């Protein structure tokens, strides 16, 4: 299973599984993926605006199963953040990761 995906592949993964998105990764609010009718269960990827330091500029938020709370982590590398959000989405929904858009990666 391939865990690293870029934003385009991440969107494909969510959209193919019936989720939608709002926002853009390069905007202040980042990008959020959610399922219509279940907006409290969302996955979010954004740049850290809390100022925890340049070491951890990327914030990932994932829903906790059977809870209204989110689990939040901070990453130094974008690749690590997308690997994590992909892994957690697949575990949360039992989804399969699509192959990379560019087979030469």
Protein backbone atom coordinates (compact mmCIF):
# COMPACT_ATOMS: atom_id res chain seq x y z
CA UNK A 1 0.00 0.00 0.00
CA UNK A 2 1.31 3.45 -0.92
CA UNK A 3 0.99 5.91 1.95
CA UNK A 4 2.59 9.02 0.45
CA UNK A 5 0.28 11.13 -1.67
CA UNK A 6 0.34 14.75 -2.69
CA UNK A 7 -2.65 17.09 -2.42
CA UNK A 8 -4.03 16.01 -5.81
CA UNK A 9 -3.87 12.32 -4.87
CA UNK A 10 -5.26 13.08 -1.43
CA UNK A 11 -8.27 14.77 -3.02
CA UNK A 12 -8.80 11.79 -5.34
CA UNK A 13 -8.77 9.45 -2.34
CA UNK A 14 -11.40 11.46 -0.49
CA UNK A 15 -13.59 12.20 -3.53
CA UNK A 16 -13.62 8.55 -4.68
CA UNK A 17 -14.91 7.61 -1.25
CA UNK A 18 -17.79 10.12 -1.27
CA UNK A 19 -16.17 12.91 0.71
CA UNK A 20 -16.05 16.57 -0.32
CA UNK A 21 -13.67 19.40 0.52
CA UNK A 22 -13.52 23.05 1.39
CA UNK A 23 -10.59 25.43 1.43
CA UNK A 24 -7.18 25.26 -0.21
CA UNK A 25 -3.94 23.98 1.25
CA UNK A 26 -2.16 27.27 0.61
CA UNK A 27 -4.86 29.35 2.29
CA UNK A 28 -5.11 30.31 5.95
CA UNK A 29 -7.78 27.71 6.74
CA UNK A 30 -6.09 24.88 4.84
CA UNK A 31 -8.11 22.12 3.24
CA UNK A 32 -10.81 20.13 5.04
CA UNK A 33 -12.41 16.92 3.81
CA UNK A 34 -15.81 15.90 5.16
CA UNK A 35 -18.80 13.75 4.29
CA UNK A 36 -22.11 15.52 3.63
CA UNK A 37 -24.33 15.19 6.69
CA UNK A 38 -21.35 14.31 8.91
CA UNK A 39 -19.53 17.65 9.01
CA UNK A 40 -18.24 17.07 12.56
CA UNK A 41 -16.15 14.19 11.20
CA UNK A 42 -13.47 15.83 9.09
CA UNK A 43 -9.85 15.52 8.07
CA UNK A 44 -7.88 18.75 7.83
CA UNK A 45 -4.45 19.64 6.50
CA UNK A 46 -3.17 23.18 6.98
CA UNK A 47 -0.15 25.26 7.77
CA UNK A 48 0.35 25.90 11.48
CA UNK A 49 -0.94 29.35 12.39
CA UNK A 50 -0.46 28.85 16.15
CA UNK A 51 3.21 29.73 15.92
CA UNK A 52 4.55 26.57 17.55
CA UNK A 53 7.77 27.20 15.69
CA UNK A 54 9.10 26.67 12.20
CA UNK A 55 10.05 23.09 13.11
CA UNK A 56 6.43 21.97 12.85
CA UNK A 57 4.71 24.13 10.25
CA UNK A 58 2.04 21.61 9.13
CA UNK A 59 -1.06 20.78 11.17
CA UNK A 60 -3.15 17.64 10.59
CA UNK A 61 -6.48 17.05 12.30
CA UNK A 62 -8.32 13.72 12.12
CA UNK A 63 -11.60 12.59 13.70
CA UNK A 64 -11.64 10.11 16.56
CA UNK A 65 -14.01 7.21 16.01
CA UNK A 66 -17.18 7.36 18.15
CA UNK A 67 -16.29 10.82 19.42
CA UNK A 68 -16.91 14.46 18.60
CA UNK A 69 -13.24 15.26 19.24
CA UNK A 70 -10.38 15.59 16.77
CA UNK A 71 -6.81 14.35 17.14
CA UNK A 72 -4.29 17.02 16.10
CA UNK A 73 -0.64 16.49 15.18
CA UNK A 74 2.06 18.78 13.83
CA UNK A 75 4.61 17.75 11.23
CA UNK A 76 7.85 19.17 9.93
CA UNK A 77 7.52 17.67 6.45
CA UNK A 78 4.54 17.84 4.11
CA UNK A 79 5.21 14.25 2.96
CA UNK A 80 4.94 12.95 6.55
CA UNK A 81 1.68 14.86 7.03
CA UNK A 82 0.10 13.43 3.87
CA UNK A 83 1.28 9.92 4.74
CA UNK A 84 -0.36 10.22 8.14
CA UNK A 85 -3.66 11.68 6.93
CA UNK A 86 -3.87 9.00 4.21
CA UNK A 87 -3.20 6.20 6.69
CA UNK A 88 -5.74 7.54 9.19
CA UNK A 89 -8.42 8.05 6.51
CA UNK A 90 -7.96 4.48 5.29
CA UNK A 91 -8.20 3.14 8.83
CA UNK A 92 -11.20 5.34 9.63
CA UNK A 93 -13.16 4.39 6.51
CA UNK A 94 -11.61 1.05 5.43
CA UNK A 95 -10.78 2.72 2.09
CA UNK A 96 -8.06 1.60 -0.30
CA UNK A 97 -5.36 4.04 -1.36
CA UNK A 98 -5.48 4.75 -5.10
CA UNK A 99 -2.25 4.41 -7.07
CA UNK A 100 -0.21 7.60 -7.50
CA UNK A 101 -1.31 9.89 -10.34
CA UNK A 102 2.23 9.85 -11.69
CA UNK A 103 3.42 6.25 -11.94
CA UNK A 104 7.07 7.45 -12.18
CA UNK A 105 7.15 8.58 -8.52
